[in-house]
Amino acid sequence: MSTHVDTPGVARPRVEGDREQQILDATLAVLTEVGYDRLTMDAVASRAKASKATLYRRWNGKEALVVDALLSVHEAITPVDTGSLRGDLLASFCGLGGLTDMTSVGTFAAVLTAITHDPDFAAAFRQQVIGPKAELSRTIFERALARGEIPADVDVDLLAPALAGIVLHRMFLLGQVPDEALITRVVDQIILPAATGRR
């Protein structure tokens, strides 16, 4: 588990046994139901059947608790290497923690408003949750560069977040729930032509 943003460089005491994961699971459940803004330590404690004192011994507030809950899901994701840019994109974005994983997308939706008006949470979320996912996307394109699949002058920083941006735009603004067919169309019709210069 990562070092908490509330106490840099200092690990707070862990909760014994499976209780910590139960608390993190309860946090995700409450987060999905009410969103970050309305989530309280009381609500999580009640859902997890734990005392608030137990929560505060491990986390000093909901910012650190929610970040750890999100990380508890994302840390289980193993990077894939299929040997091709197309295969890597489809495997990464259609699997666990990807854009077709409604649990992952749902938790993102639940923290969306907090990212815009809670600078401390936004910084922690971008660094600890989004940062590793962005790095994974970048790695996929860097491997494609190394294999010679895409030209050396491709702007990886521009392309790496493009797939997620397109799909999330369609979901949140157009109401289109992402599925594997949508991801495949975006990869084949937009991302690969942009990356390779050919359809």
C-alpha atoms as a PDB file:
ATOM      1  CA  MET A   1       0.000   0.000   0.000  1.00  0.00           C
ATOM      2  CA  SER A   2       1.270   3.472  -0.820  1.00  0.00           C
ATOM      3  CA  THR A   3       2.462   6.064   1.676  1.00  0.00           C
ATOM      4  CA  HIS A   4      -0.428   8.311   2.651  1.00  0.00           C
ATOM      5  CA  VAL A   5      -0.615  11.854   1.396  1.00  0.00           C
ATOM      6  CA  ASP A   6      -1.608  13.115   4.837  1.00  0.00           C
ATOM      7  CA  THR A   7       1.622  11.970   6.492  1.00  0.00           C
ATOM      8  CA  PRO A   8       4.374  11.963   3.866  1.00  0.00           C
ATOM      9  CA  GLY A   9       7.046   9.348   4.462  1.00  0.00           C
ATOM     10  CA  VAL A  10       5.350   7.927   7.556  1.00  0.00           C
ATOM     11  CA  ALA A  11       3.344   4.700   7.452  1.00  0.00           C
ATOM     12  CA  ARG A  12       0.316   4.728   9.711  1.00  0.00           C
ATOM     13  CA  PRO A  13      -0.601   1.529  11.636  1.00  0.00           C
ATOM     14  CA  ARG A  14      -2.320  -1.097   9.525  1.00  0.00           C
ATOM     15  CA  VAL A  15      -5.632  -2.659  10.471  1.00  0.00           C
ATOM     16  CA  GLU A  16      -5.211  -6.312  11.385  1.00  0.00           C
ATOM     17  CA  GLY A  17      -6.114  -9.240   9.135  1.00  0.00           C
ATOM     18  CA  ASP A  18      -8.798  -8.851   6.479  1.00  0.00           C
ATOM     19  CA  ARG A  19     -10.413  -5.921   8.268  1.00  0.00           C
ATOM     20  CA  GLU A  20      -8.434  -3.338   6.325  1.00  0.00           C
ATOM     21  CA  GLN A  21      -9.659  -4.651   2.974  1.00  0.00           C
ATOM     22  CA  GLN A  22     -13.199  -4.882   4.357  1.00  0.00           C
ATOM     23  CA  ILE A  23     -12.997  -1.217   5.311  1.00  0.00           C
ATOM     24  CA  LEU A  24     -11.622  -0.300   1.884  1.00  0.00           C
ATOM     25  CA  ASP A  25     -14.396  -2.297   0.193  1.00  0.00           C
ATOM     26  CA  ALA A  26     -16.962  -0.508   2.357  1.00  0.00           C
ATOM     27  CA  THR A  27     -15.396   2.815   1.357  1.00  0.00           C
ATOM     28  CA  LEU A  28     -15.782   1.981  -2.329  1.00  0.00           C
ATOM     29  CA  ALA A  29     -19.407   0.948  -1.775  1.00  0.00           C
ATOM     30  CA  VAL A  30     -20.267   4.198   0.015  1.00  0.00           C
ATOM     31  CA  LEU A  31     -18.278   6.222  -2.527  1.00  0.00           C
ATOM     32  CA  THR A  32     -20.209   4.710  -5.435  1.00  0.00           C
ATOM     33  CA  GLU A  33     -23.550   5.289  -3.704  1.00  0.00           C
ATOM     34  CA  VAL A  34     -23.166   8.882  -2.521  1.00  0.00           C
ATOM     35  CA  GLY A  35     -20.025  10.311  -4.165  1.00  0.00           C
ATOM     36  CA  TYR A  36     -16.909  11.751  -2.560  1.00  0.00           C
ATOM     37  CA  ASP A  37     -18.534  14.972  -1.369  1.00  0.00           C
ATOM     38  CA  ARG A  38     -21.170  13.192   0.738  1.00  0.00           C
ATOM     39  CA  LEU A  39     -18.961  10.342   1.930  1.00  0.00           C
ATOM     40  CA  THR A  40     -18.204  10.509   5.663  1.00  0.00           C
ATOM     41  CA  MET A  41     -16.013   8.496   7.987  1.00  0.00           C
ATOM     42  CA  ASP A  42     -19.192   7.730   9.973  1.00  0.00           C
ATOM     43  CA  ALA A  43     -20.875   6.216   6.911  1.00  0.00           C
ATOM     44  CA  VAL A  44     -17.850   4.059   6.107  1.00  0.00           C
ATOM     45  CA  ALA A  45     -17.504   2.908   9.717  1.00  0.00           C
ATOM     46  CA  SER A  46     -21.174   1.951   9.771  1.00  0.00           C
ATOM     47  CA  ARG A  47     -20.949   0.064   6.456  1.00  0.00           C
ATOM     48  CA  ALA A  48     -17.784  -1.756   7.551  1.00  0.00           C
ATOM     49  CA  LYS A  49     -19.160  -2.426  11.051  1.00  0.00           C
ATOM     50  CA  ALA A  50     -16.061  -0.812  12.508  1.00  0.00           C
ATOM     51  CA  SER A  51     -15.504   2.018  14.947  1.00  0.00           C
ATOM     52  CA  LYS A  52     -14.461   5.467  13.774  1.00  0.00           C
ATOM     53  CA  ALA A  53     -11.442   5.114  16.063  1.00  0.00           C
ATOM     54  CA  THR A  54     -10.307   2.123  13.997  1.00  0.00           C
ATOM     55  CA  LEU A  55     -10.528   4.188  10.827  1.00  0.00           C
ATOM     56  CA  TYR A  56      -8.719   7.178  12.302  1.00  0.00           C
ATOM     57  CA  ARG A  57      -5.861   5.036  13.595  1.00  0.00           C
ATOM     58  CA  ARG A  58      -5.120   4.131   9.970  1.00  0.00           C
ATOM     59  CA  TRP A  59      -6.366   7.160   8.017  1.00  0.00           C
ATOM     60  CA  ASN A  60      -6.543  10.751   9.229  1.00  0.00           C
ATOM     61  CA  GLY A  61      -9.490  11.603   7.004  1.00  0.00           C
ATOM     62  CA  LYS A  62     -11.550  10.627   4.012  1.00  0.00           C
ATOM     63  CA  GLU A  63      -9.017  11.906   1.457  1.00  0.00           C
ATOM     64  CA  ALA A  64      -6.429   9.311   2.477  1.00  0.00           C
ATOM     65  CA  LEU A  65      -9.074   6.623   2.994  1.00  0.00           C
ATOM     66  CA  VAL A  66     -10.625   7.080  -0.461  1.00  0.00           C
ATOM     67  CA  VAL A  67      -7.252   7.164  -2.211  1.00  0.00           C
ATOM     68  CA  ASP A  68      -6.248   3.913  -0.502  1.00  0.00           C
ATOM     69  CA  ALA A  69      -9.602   2.346  -1.379  1.00  0.00           C
ATOM     70  CA  LEU A  70      -9.095   3.243  -5.042  1.00  0.00           C
ATOM     71  CA  LEU A  71      -5.535   1.919  -4.946  1.00  0.00           C
ATOM     72  CA  SER A  72      -6.725  -1.360  -3.435  1.00  0.00           C
ATOM     73  CA  VAL A  73      -8.538  -2.003  -6.717  1.00  0.00           C
ATOM     74  CA  HIS A  74      -5.919  -0.674  -9.122  1.00  0.00           C
ATOM     75  CA  GLU A  75      -2.940  -2.368  -7.460  1.00  0.00           C
ATOM     76  CA  ALA A  76      -4.384  -5.760  -8.461  1.00  0.00           C
ATOM     77  CA  ILE A  77      -4.096  -4.891 -12.163  1.00  0.00           C
ATOM     78  CA  THR A  78      -1.144  -6.528 -13.925  1.00  0.00           C
ATOM     79  CA  PRO A  79       0.285  -4.756 -17.000  1.00  0.00           C
ATOM     80  CA  VAL A  80      -0.122  -6.773 -20.192  1.00  0.00           C
ATOM     81  CA  ASP A  81       2.253  -7.237 -23.117  1.00  0.00           C
ATOM     82  CA  THR A  82       0.551  -8.956 -26.042  1.00  0.00           C
ATOM     83  CA  GLY A  83       3.284  -8.103 -28.520  1.00  0.00           C
ATOM     84  CA  SER A  84       1.264  -5.527 -30.458  1.00  0.00           C
ATOM     85  CA  LEU A  85      -0.063  -2.019 -29.880  1.00  0.00           C
ATOM     86  CA  ARG A  86      -3.621  -3.043 -30.774  1.00  0.00           C
ATOM     87  CA  GLY A  87      -3.527  -6.090 -28.515  1.00  0.00           C
ATOM     88  CA  ASP A  88      -2.094  -4.122 -25.594  1.00  0.00           C
ATOM     89  CA  LEU A  89      -4.711  -1.381 -25.905  1.00  0.00           C
ATOM     90  CA  LEU A  90      -7.632  -3.796 -26.086  1.00  0.00           C
ATOM     91  CA  ALA A  91      -6.347  -5.972 -23.234  1.00  0.00           C
ATOM     92  CA  SER A  92      -5.635  -2.989 -20.972  1.00  0.00           C
ATOM     93  CA  PHE A  93      -8.782  -0.980 -21.628  1.00  0.00           C
ATOM     94  CA  CYS A  94     -11.282  -3.849 -21.857  1.00  0.00           C
ATOM     95  CA  GLY A  95     -10.155  -5.813 -18.791  1.00  0.00           C
ATOM     96  CA  LEU A  96     -10.122  -5.382 -15.019  1.00  0.00           C
ATOM     97  CA  GLY A  97      -9.716  -1.718 -14.125  1.00  0.00           C
ATOM     98  CA  GLY A  98     -10.255  -0.680 -17.742  1.00  0.00           C
ATOM     99  CA  LEU A  99     -12.952   1.403 -19.369  1.00  0.00           C
ATOM    100  CA  THR A 100     -15.421  -1.504 -19.577  1.00  0.00           C
ATOM    101  CA  ASP A 101     -15.028  -2.224 -15.845  1.00  0.00           C
ATOM    102  CA  MET A 102     -18.090  -0.482 -14.430  1.00  0.00           C
ATOM    103  CA  THR A 103     -16.726  -0.614 -10.886  1.00  0.00           C
ATOM    104  CA  SER A 104     -13.625   1.286 -11.925  1.00  0.00           C
ATOM    105  CA  VAL A 105     -15.559   3.765 -14.073  1.00  0.00           C
ATOM    106  CA  GLY A 106     -18.186   4.172 -11.351  1.00  0.00           C
ATOM    107  CA  THR A 107     -15.628   5.140  -8.731  1.00  0.00           C
ATOM    108  CA  PHE A 108     -14.111   7.626 -11.168  1.00  0.00           C
ATOM    109  CA  ALA A 109     -17.537   9.192 -11.680  1.00  0.00           C
ATOM    110  CA  ALA A 110     -17.981   9.362  -7.897  1.00  0.00           C
ATOM    111  CA  VAL A 111     -14.870  11.500  -7.426  1.00  0.00           C
ATOM    112  CA  LEU A 112     -15.260  13.661 -10.523  1.00  0.00           C
ATOM    113  CA  THR A 113     -16.712  16.696  -8.746  1.00  0.00           C
ATOM    114  CA  ALA A 114     -14.135  16.476  -5.944  1.00  0.00           C
ATOM    115  CA  ILE A 115     -11.317  16.677  -8.494  1.00  0.00           C
ATOM    116  CA  THR A 116     -12.613  20.060  -9.618  1.00  0.00           C
ATOM    117  CA  HIS A 117     -13.008  21.745  -6.227  1.00  0.00           C
ATOM    118  CA  ASP A 118     -10.879  19.868  -3.679  1.00  0.00           C
ATOM    119  CA  PRO A 119      -7.239  20.656  -4.537  1.00  0.00           C
ATOM    120  CA  ASP A 120      -5.731  18.321  -1.931  1.00  0.00           C
ATOM    121  CA  PHE A 121      -7.795  15.343  -3.014  1.00  0.00           C
ATOM    122  CA  ALA A 122      -7.250  16.179  -6.687  1.00  0.00           C
ATOM    123  CA  ALA A 123      -3.477  16.238  -6.224  1.00  0.00           C
ATOM    124  CA  ALA A 124      -3.479  12.906  -4.374  1.00  0.00           C
ATOM    125  CA  PHE A 125      -5.841  11.313  -6.896  1.00  0.00           C
ATOM    126  CA  ARG A 126      -3.811  12.470  -9.895  1.00  0.00           C
ATOM    127  CA  GLN A 127      -0.502  11.400  -8.404  1.00  0.00           C
ATOM    128  CA  GLN A 128      -1.418   8.070  -6.829  1.00  0.00           C
ATOM    129  CA  VAL A 129      -4.382   6.773  -8.840  1.00  0.00           C
ATOM    130  CA  ILE A 130      -4.310   8.389 -12.283  1.00  0.00           C
ATOM    131  CA  GLY A 131      -0.511   8.664 -12.441  1.00  0.00           C
ATOM    132  CA  PRO A 132       0.181   4.905 -12.603  1.00  0.00           C
ATOM    133  CA  LYS A 133      -2.641   4.372 -15.121  1.00  0.00           C
ATOM    134  CA  ALA A 134      -1.291   7.163 -17.321  1.00  0.00           C
ATOM    135  CA  GLU A 135       2.179   5.663 -17.082  1.00  0.00           C
ATOM    136  CA  LEU A 136       0.786   2.282 -18.136  1.00  0.00           C
ATOM    137  CA  SER A 137      -0.768   3.859 -21.248  1.00  0.00           C
ATOM    138  CA  ARG A 138       2.478   5.609 -22.041  1.00  0.00           C
ATOM    139  CA  THR A 139       4.402   2.336 -21.646  1.00  0.00           C
ATOM    140  CA  ILE A 140       2.113   0.672 -24.210  1.00  0.00           C
ATOM    141  CA  PHE A 141       3.020   3.298 -26.805  1.00  0.00           C
ATOM    142  CA  GLU A 142       6.710   3.278 -25.892  1.00  0.00           C
ATOM    143  CA  ARG A 143       6.785  -0.491 -26.465  1.00  0.00           C
ATOM    144  CA  ALA A 144       5.146   0.064 -29.848  1.00  0.00           C
ATOM    145  CA  LEU A 145       7.845   2.605 -30.664  1.00  0.00           C
ATOM    146  CA  ALA A 146      10.565   0.156 -29.658  1.00  0.00           C
ATOM    147  CA  ARG A 147       9.008  -2.557 -31.868  1.00  0.00           C
ATOM    148  CA  GLY A 148       8.870  -0.178 -34.819  1.00  0.00           C
ATOM    149  CA  GLU A 149       5.079  -0.379 -35.021  1.00  0.00           C
ATOM    150  CA  ILE A 150       4.695   3.397 -34.980  1.00  0.00           C
ATOM    151  CA  PRO A 151       6.969   6.169 -36.320  1.00  0.00           C
ATOM    152  CA  ALA A 152       9.562   7.709 -34.027  1.00  0.00           C
ATOM    153  CA  ASP A 153       8.021  11.177 -34.377  1.00  0.00           C
ATOM    154  CA  VAL A 154       4.663  10.157 -32.880  1.00  0.00           C
ATOM    155  CA  ASP A 155       3.681  12.395 -29.949  1.00  0.00           C
ATOM    156  CA  VAL A 156       3.248   9.751 -27.225  1.00  0.00           C
ATOM    157  CA  ASP A 157       2.174  12.337 -24.640  1.00  0.00           C
ATOM    158  CA  LEU A 158      -0.708  13.349 -26.911  1.00  0.00           C
ATOM    159  CA  LEU A 159      -1.776   9.839 -27.928  1.00  0.00           C
ATOM    160  CA  ALA A 160      -1.449   7.938 -24.638  1.00  0.00           C
ATOM    161  CA  PRO A 161      -4.497   9.521 -22.926  1.00  0.00           C
ATOM    162  CA  ALA A 162      -6.566   9.832 -26.127  1.00  0.00           C
ATOM    163  CA  LEU A 163      -8.429   6.526 -25.910  1.00  0.00           C
ATOM    164  CA  ALA A 164      -9.606   7.118 -22.343  1.00  0.00           C
ATOM    165  CA  GLY A 165     -10.515  10.718 -23.180  1.00  0.00           C
ATOM    166  CA  ILE A 166     -12.692   9.747 -26.138  1.00  0.00           C
ATOM    167  CA  VAL A 167     -14.482   6.926 -24.324  1.00  0.00           C
ATOM    168  CA  LEU A 168     -15.078   8.874 -21.102  1.00  0.00           C
ATOM    169  CA  HIS A 169     -16.403  11.820 -23.114  1.00  0.00           C
ATOM    170  CA  ARG A 170     -18.943   9.522 -24.777  1.00  0.00           C
ATOM    171  CA  MET A 171     -19.913   8.064 -21.406  1.00  0.00           C
ATOM    172  CA  PHE A 172     -20.261  11.187 -19.277  1.00  0.00           C
ATOM    173  CA  LEU A 173     -21.487  13.656 -21.893  1.00  0.00           C
ATOM    174  CA  LEU A 174     -23.344  11.448 -24.386  1.00  0.00           C
ATOM    175  CA  GLY A 175     -24.543   8.732 -22.025  1.00  0.00           C
ATOM    176  CA  GLN A 176     -23.027   5.859 -24.012  1.00  0.00           C
ATOM    177  CA  VAL A 177     -21.886   3.088 -21.666  1.00  0.00           C
ATOM    178  CA  PRO A 178     -18.529   1.767 -22.939  1.00  0.00           C
ATOM    179  CA  ASP A 179     -18.227  -1.827 -24.024  1.00  0.00           C
ATOM    180  CA  GLU A 180     -15.585  -3.853 -25.853  1.00  0.00           C
ATOM    181  CA  ALA A 181     -17.144  -3.057 -29.230  1.00  0.00           C
ATOM    182  CA  LEU A 182     -16.820   0.700 -28.621  1.00  0.00           C
ATOM    183  CA  ILE A 183     -13.236   0.388 -27.389  1.00  0.00           C
ATOM    184  CA  THR A 184     -12.373  -1.672 -30.477  1.00  0.00           C
ATOM    185  CA  ARG A 185     -13.928   0.889 -32.840  1.00  0.00           C
ATOM    186  CA  VAL A 186     -12.052   3.763 -31.224  1.00  0.00           C
ATOM    187  CA  VAL A 187      -8.769   1.821 -31.319  1.00  0.00           C
ATOM    188  CA  ASP A 188      -9.196   0.717 -34.956  1.00  0.00           C
ATOM    189  CA  GLN A 189     -10.683   3.896 -36.395  1.00  0.00           C
ATOM    190  CA  ILE A 190      -8.959   6.628 -34.387  1.00  0.00           C
ATOM    191  CA  ILE A 191      -5.990   5.564 -32.241  1.00  0.00           C
ATOM    192  CA  LEU A 192      -4.191   3.182 -34.614  1.00  0.00           C
ATOM    193  CA  PRO A 193      -4.574   5.399 -37.709  1.00  0.00           C
ATOM    194  CA  ALA A 194      -3.330   8.386 -35.705  1.00  0.00           C
ATOM    195  CA  ALA A 195      -0.376   6.401 -34.326  1.00  0.00           C
ATOM    196  CA  THR A 196       0.674   4.649 -37.540  1.00  0.00           C
ATOM    197  CA  GLY A 197      -0.376   7.190 -40.156  1.00  0.00           C
ATOM    198  CA  ARG A 198      -2.476   4.585 -41.954  1.00  0.00           C
ATOM    199  CA  ARG A 199      -5.904   2.979 -41.626  1.00  0.00           C
END
